[in-house]
C-alpha atoms as a PDB file:
ATOM      1  CA  UNK A   1      11.391   6.314 -13.840  1.00  0.00           C
ATOM      2  CA  UNK A   2       7.685   6.657 -15.088  1.00  0.00           C
ATOM      3  CA  UNK A   3       5.113   4.590 -13.184  1.00  0.00           C
ATOM      4  CA  UNK A   4       1.084   5.472 -13.245  1.00  0.00           C
ATOM      5  CA  UNK A   5      -1.627   4.627 -10.990  1.00  0.00           C
ATOM      6  CA  UNK A   6      -4.936   3.038 -12.231  1.00  0.00           C
ATOM      7  CA  UNK A   7      -8.081   1.148 -11.282  1.00  0.00           C
ATOM      8  CA  UNK A   8      -6.846  -2.837 -11.441  1.00  0.00           C
ATOM      9  CA  UNK A   9      -8.112  -5.472 -14.441  1.00  0.00           C
ATOM     10  CA  UNK A  10      -8.563  -8.643 -14.992  1.00  0.00           C
ATOM     11  CA  UNK A  11      -6.512  -9.171 -17.739  1.00  0.00           C
ATOM     12  CA  UNK A  12      -3.474  -8.253 -14.641  1.00  0.00           C
ATOM     13  CA  UNK A  13      -3.785 -11.453 -13.689  1.00  0.00           C
ATOM     14  CA  UNK A  14      -0.438 -12.628 -15.411  1.00  0.00           C
ATOM     15  CA  UNK A  15       1.618  -9.035 -14.003  1.00  0.00           C
ATOM     16  CA  UNK A  16       0.037  -9.617 -11.019  1.00  0.00           C
ATOM     17  CA  UNK A  17       1.164 -13.386 -10.033  1.00  0.00           C
ATOM     18  CA  UNK A  18       4.301 -12.745 -11.436  1.00  0.00           C
ATOM     19  CA  UNK A  19       4.881  -9.888  -9.196  1.00  0.00           C
ATOM     20  CA  UNK A  20       3.659 -11.015  -6.391  1.00  0.00           C
ATOM     21  CA  UNK A  21       4.968 -14.288  -5.985  1.00  0.00           C
ATOM     22  CA  UNK A  22       8.202 -12.679  -3.595  1.00  0.00           C
ATOM     23  CA  UNK A  23       9.077 -13.988  -0.878  1.00  0.00           C
ATOM     24  CA  UNK A  24      11.209 -11.158  -0.105  1.00  0.00           C
ATOM     25  CA  UNK A  25       7.666  -8.486  -1.093  1.00  0.00           C
ATOM     26  CA  UNK A  26       5.176 -11.665   1.284  1.00  0.00           C
ATOM     27  CA  UNK A  27       7.395 -11.415   4.500  1.00  0.00           C
ATOM     28  CA  UNK A  28       6.702  -7.767   5.062  1.00  0.00           C
ATOM     29  CA  UNK A  29       3.166  -8.022   4.361  1.00  0.00           C
ATOM     30  CA  UNK A  30       0.095  -8.978   6.239  1.00  0.00           C
ATOM     31  CA  UNK A  31      -0.944 -13.669   6.454  1.00  0.00           C
ATOM     32  CA  UNK A  32      -3.534 -11.626   3.838  1.00  0.00           C
ATOM     33  CA  UNK A  33      -1.119 -11.363   0.998  1.00  0.00           C
ATOM     34  CA  UNK A  34       0.312 -15.258   0.475  1.00  0.00           C
ATOM     35  CA  UNK A  35       3.517 -16.615  -0.224  1.00  0.00           C
ATOM     36  CA  UNK A  36       3.216 -18.270  -3.008  1.00  0.00           C
ATOM     37  CA  UNK A  37       0.913 -16.022  -4.325  1.00  0.00           C
ATOM     38  CA  UNK A  38      -1.135 -18.550  -6.784  1.00  0.00           C
ATOM     39  CA  UNK A  39      -3.337 -17.560  -9.576  1.00  0.00           C
ATOM     40  CA  UNK A  40      -6.484 -18.092  -7.744  1.00  0.00           C
ATOM     41  CA  UNK A  41      -5.554 -15.455  -5.479  1.00  0.00           C
ATOM     42  CA  UNK A  42      -4.487 -12.953  -7.472  1.00  0.00           C
ATOM     43  CA  UNK A  43      -7.844 -12.977  -9.151  1.00  0.00           C
ATOM     44  CA  UNK A  44      -9.654 -13.326  -5.457  1.00  0.00           C
ATOM     45  CA  UNK A  45      -7.175 -10.298  -5.234  1.00  0.00           C
ATOM     46  CA  UNK A  46      -8.697  -8.582  -8.662  1.00  0.00           C
ATOM     47  CA  UNK A  47     -12.208  -9.421  -8.216  1.00  0.00           C
ATOM     48  CA  UNK A  48     -12.140  -7.581  -4.434  1.00  0.00           C
ATOM     49  CA  UNK A  49     -10.088  -4.523  -6.137  1.00  0.00           C
ATOM     50  CA  UNK A  50     -12.328  -3.431  -8.502  1.00  0.00           C
ATOM     51  CA  UNK A  51     -15.710  -3.892  -6.193  1.00  0.00           C
ATOM     52  CA  UNK A  52     -16.066  -0.259  -4.783  1.00  0.00           C
ATOM     53  CA  UNK A  53     -16.454   2.474  -5.677  1.00  0.00           C
ATOM     54  CA  UNK A  54     -14.308   5.094  -6.141  1.00  0.00           C
ATOM     55  CA  UNK A  55     -11.877   2.566  -6.502  1.00  0.00           C
ATOM     56  CA  UNK A  56      -9.729   2.432  -2.907  1.00  0.00           C
ATOM     57  CA  UNK A  57      -6.839  -0.088  -4.317  1.00  0.00           C
ATOM     58  CA  UNK A  58      -5.400   0.965  -7.281  1.00  0.00           C
ATOM     59  CA  UNK A  59      -2.550  -0.945 -10.331  1.00  0.00           C
ATOM     60  CA  UNK A  60       1.115   0.816  -9.848  1.00  0.00           C
ATOM     61  CA  UNK A  61       1.481   0.204 -13.448  1.00  0.00           C
ATOM     62  CA  UNK A  62       4.878   0.685 -15.203  1.00  0.00           C
ATOM     63  CA  UNK A  63       5.506  -0.318 -18.778  1.00  0.00           C
ATOM     64  CA  UNK A  64       2.691  -1.117 -19.256  1.00  0.00           C
ATOM     65  CA  UNK A  65       1.999  -3.731 -16.804  1.00  0.00           C
ATOM     66  CA  UNK A  66       0.970  -3.801 -13.408  1.00  0.00           C
ATOM     67  CA  UNK A  67       3.879  -4.366 -11.222  1.00  0.00           C
ATOM     68  CA  UNK A  68       3.026  -3.526  -7.780  1.00  0.00           C
ATOM     69  CA  UNK A  69       0.160  -2.011  -5.510  1.00  0.00           C
ATOM     70  CA  UNK A  70      -1.816  -0.085  -3.250  1.00  0.00           C
ATOM     71  CA  UNK A  71      -4.776   1.114  -1.655  1.00  0.00           C
ATOM     72  CA  UNK A  72      -6.721   2.856   1.036  1.00  0.00           C
ATOM     73  CA  UNK A  73      -8.644   1.744   3.504  1.00  0.00           C
ATOM     74  CA  UNK A  74     -11.296   3.707   4.999  1.00  0.00           C
ATOM     75  CA  UNK A  75     -12.345   3.202   8.463  1.00  0.00           C
ATOM     76  CA  UNK A  76     -15.454   2.193  10.120  1.00  0.00           C
ATOM     77  CA  UNK A  77     -17.187   3.375  13.682  1.00  0.00           C
ATOM     78  CA  UNK A  78     -15.105   5.619  15.987  1.00  0.00           C
ATOM     79  CA  UNK A  79     -12.473   5.244  13.924  1.00  0.00           C
ATOM     80  CA  UNK A  80     -14.583   6.633  10.404  1.00  0.00           C
ATOM     81  CA  UNK A  81     -12.487   9.812   9.628  1.00  0.00           C
ATOM     82  CA  UNK A  82      -9.468   7.281   9.694  1.00  0.00           C
ATOM     83  CA  UNK A  83      -8.191   5.555   6.378  1.00  0.00           C
ATOM     84  CA  UNK A  84      -5.198   3.056   6.666  1.00  0.00           C
ATOM     85  CA  UNK A  85      -2.814   3.084   3.982  1.00  0.00           C
ATOM     86  CA  UNK A  86      -1.112   0.114   2.104  1.00  0.00           C
ATOM     87  CA  UNK A  87       1.033  -0.639  -0.514  1.00  0.00           C
ATOM     88  CA  UNK A  88       3.809  -2.752  -1.800  1.00  0.00           C
ATOM     89  CA  UNK A  89       6.227  -3.008  -5.819  1.00  0.00           C
ATOM     90  CA  UNK A  90       7.551  -5.845  -7.812  1.00  0.00           C
ATOM     91  CA  UNK A  91      11.209  -6.065  -6.272  1.00  0.00           C
ATOM     92  CA  UNK A  92      13.130  -5.548  -9.568  1.00  0.00           C
ATOM     93  CA  UNK A  93      11.933  -1.320  -9.325  1.00  0.00           C
ATOM     94  CA  UNK A  94      12.729  -1.633  -5.345  1.00  0.00           C
ATOM     95  CA  UNK A  95      15.453   1.583  -5.169  1.00  0.00           C
ATOM     96  CA  UNK A  96      13.883   4.285  -7.813  1.00  0.00           C
ATOM     97  CA  UNK A  97      12.007   6.359  -5.867  1.00  0.00           C
ATOM     98  CA  UNK A  98       8.715   5.293  -7.092  1.00  0.00           C
ATOM     99  CA  UNK A  99       6.597   4.109  -4.219  1.00  0.00           C
ATOM    100  CA  UNK A 100       6.743   7.191  -2.556  1.00  0.00           C
ATOM    101  CA  UNK A 101       5.863   9.113  -5.546  1.00  0.00           C
ATOM    102  CA  UNK A 102       2.613   6.556  -5.188  1.00  0.00           C
ATOM    103  CA  UNK A 103       2.158   7.202  -1.717  1.00  0.00           C
ATOM    104  CA  UNK A 104       2.529  10.915  -2.568  1.00  0.00           C
ATOM    105  CA  UNK A 105      -0.141  10.498  -5.081  1.00  0.00           C
ATOM    106  CA  UNK A 106      -2.120   8.173  -3.135  1.00  0.00           C
ATOM    107  CA  UNK A 107      -2.847  10.508  -0.172  1.00  0.00           C
ATOM    108  CA  UNK A 108      -4.147  12.499  -2.545  1.00  0.00           C
ATOM    109  CA  UNK A 109      -5.915  10.903  -4.126  1.00  0.00           C
ATOM    110  CA  UNK A 110      -7.585   9.402  -0.426  1.00  0.00           C
ATOM    111  CA  UNK A 111      -8.408  13.056   1.228  1.00  0.00           C
ATOM    112  CA  UNK A 112      -9.975  14.294  -2.503  1.00  0.00           C
ATOM    113  CA  UNK A 113     -12.032  11.242  -2.774  1.00  0.00           C
ATOM    114  CA  UNK A 114     -12.998   9.796   0.860  1.00  0.00           C
ATOM    115  CA  UNK A 115     -13.777  12.401   3.694  1.00  0.00           C
ATOM    116  CA  UNK A 116     -10.936  11.608   6.015  1.00  0.00           C
ATOM    117  CA  UNK A 117      -8.880  13.036   7.488  1.00  0.00           C
ATOM    118  CA  UNK A 118      -5.841  11.119   8.281  1.00  0.00           C
ATOM    119  CA  UNK A 119      -4.337   8.663   6.523  1.00  0.00           C
ATOM    120  CA  UNK A 120      -2.238   5.945   8.461  1.00  0.00           C
ATOM    121  CA  UNK A 121       0.126   3.278   7.170  1.00  0.00           C
ATOM    122  CA  UNK A 122       1.516   0.124  10.127  1.00  0.00           C
ATOM    123  CA  UNK A 123       5.166  -0.515   8.306  1.00  0.00           C
ATOM    124  CA  UNK A 124       7.080  -3.613  10.517  1.00  0.00           C
ATOM    125  CA  UNK A 125       9.676  -2.225  12.821  1.00  0.00           C
ATOM    126  CA  UNK A 126      11.910  -4.246  10.861  1.00  0.00           C
ATOM    127  CA  UNK A 127      10.595  -2.293   7.192  1.00  0.00           C
ATOM    128  CA  UNK A 128      13.321   0.123   7.240  1.00  0.00           C
ATOM    129  CA  UNK A 129      12.526   1.032   3.413  1.00  0.00           C
ATOM    130  CA  UNK A 130       8.543   1.303   4.277  1.00  0.00           C
ATOM    131  CA  UNK A 131      10.177   3.430   7.022  1.00  0.00           C
ATOM    132  CA  UNK A 132      11.971   5.362   4.713  1.00  0.00           C
ATOM    133  CA  UNK A 133       9.657   6.317   2.281  1.00  0.00           C
ATOM    134  CA  UNK A 134       6.694   6.844   4.012  1.00  0.00           C
ATOM    135  CA  UNK A 135       8.979   9.604   5.974  1.00  0.00           C
ATOM    136  CA  UNK A 136      10.193  11.076   2.432  1.00  0.00           C
ATOM    137  CA  UNK A 137       5.949  11.128   1.974  1.00  0.00           C
ATOM    138  CA  UNK A 138       5.496  13.446   4.729  1.00  0.00           C
ATOM    139  CA  UNK A 139       3.585  11.141   6.835  1.00  0.00           C
ATOM    140  CA  UNK A 140       5.353  11.292  10.942  1.00  0.00           C
ATOM    141  CA  UNK A 141       6.008   8.300  13.781  1.00  0.00           C
ATOM    142  CA  UNK A 142       3.013   8.472  15.920  1.00  0.00           C
ATOM    143  CA  UNK A 143       3.430   4.911  17.479  1.00  0.00           C
ATOM    144  CA  UNK A 144       5.774   2.391  17.937  1.00  0.00           C
ATOM    145  CA  UNK A 145       4.399  -1.342  19.618  1.00  0.00           C
ATOM    146  CA  UNK A 146       7.174  -4.321  20.418  1.00  0.00           C
ATOM    147  CA  UNK A 147       6.836  -7.313  19.631  1.00  0.00           C
ATOM    148  CA  UNK A 148       3.360  -7.140  18.533  1.00  0.00           C
ATOM    149  CA  UNK A 149       3.432  -8.731  15.320  1.00  0.00           C
ATOM    150  CA  UNK A 150       3.985 -12.044  15.111  1.00  0.00           C
ATOM    151  CA  UNK A 151       4.915 -13.450  11.421  1.00  0.00           C
ATOM    152  CA  UNK A 152       6.537 -16.782  10.406  1.00  0.00           C
ATOM    153  CA  UNK A 153       7.554 -17.508  13.544  1.00  0.00           C
ATOM    154  CA  UNK A 154       9.108 -14.717  15.066  1.00  0.00           C
ATOM    155  CA  UNK A 155       7.612 -11.309  16.873  1.00  0.00           C
ATOM    156  CA  UNK A 156       8.181  -8.356  14.922  1.00  0.00           C
ATOM    157  CA  UNK A 157       7.344  -4.524  16.590  1.00  0.00           C
ATOM    158  CA  UNK A 158       4.517  -2.769  14.274  1.00  0.00           C
ATOM    159  CA  UNK A 159       4.836   1.038  13.706  1.00  0.00           C
ATOM    160  CA  UNK A 160       2.352   3.669  13.622  1.00  0.00           C
ATOM    161  CA  UNK A 161       2.610   5.872  10.735  1.00  0.00           C
ATOM    162  CA  UNK A 162       0.072   9.086   9.748  1.00  0.00           C
ATOM    163  CA  UNK A 163      -0.008  11.607   7.841  1.00  0.00           C
ATOM    164  CA  UNK A 164      -3.126  14.475   8.511  1.00  0.00           C
ATOM    165  CA  UNK A 165      -5.177  16.499   5.862  1.00  0.00           C
ATOM    166  CA  UNK A 166      -4.290  19.660   7.056  1.00  0.00           C
ATOM    167  CA  UNK A 167      -0.288  19.213   6.583  1.00  0.00           C
ATOM    168  CA  UNK A 168      -0.562  16.929   3.570  1.00  0.00           C
ATOM    169  CA  UNK A 169       1.131  19.684   1.387  1.00  0.00           C
ATOM    170  CA  UNK A 170       1.076  17.682  -2.039  1.00  0.00           C
ATOM    171  CA  UNK A 171      -2.307  18.030  -4.188  1.00  0.00           C
ATOM    172  CA  UNK A 172      -1.723  15.677  -7.180  1.00  0.00           C
ATOM    173  CA  UNK A 173      -4.384  14.899  -9.644  1.00  0.00           C
ATOM    174  CA  UNK A 174      -4.461  11.294  -9.981  1.00  0.00           C
END
C-alpha cells in the first residue's frame, strides 16, 4: 500500500480525530496521546506539530488523508546527539508494512536533518507489533526495564530500541 510522509496541515483535523480516536492505539502510547481523542486535542496537536523547522513530526498520508503520525524528537543537554522516535497508524492500515517503511524513511530524514548519532524508540513490552517493526527497520534492542511504566492501572515493561547513524543502511530522501 502506498503512503507518503508530509507535514501536518490544519485541514487534517477531521482525519486526525477520526483515526486517532481509538483505544487500541492509545493503549500503546504515552498519556499525552489522549483517549477519547477530541477535536480540541487534535487542534492542539496540529499546532504543536507544525511549529518546528525543519518539521520533526510528520503525517503518514494514505489515499490523500492523514492516517497516522511519525516524529523525531531531538533530546537536550547531554543527550543532544540522540532523538526519540514515536509513531502511530490508524488501525485499518495495520499489518500492511506501512509503519516499517515509514520508520526507515523517518530515520533517514532524522539523520539528514538533525545533528544526531542515535535514534531510539521506547515501545511497551506488551507491544509486540511495534517491537517487530523496529527490528525490521534495523533497530536493536538495547534495554528492557521491568514494570517501569504505569498505564491504565497496570505496570508495564519499557523497552529501548535504537539505531545509530553508522549502522543505518538506508538512504531514502523524503
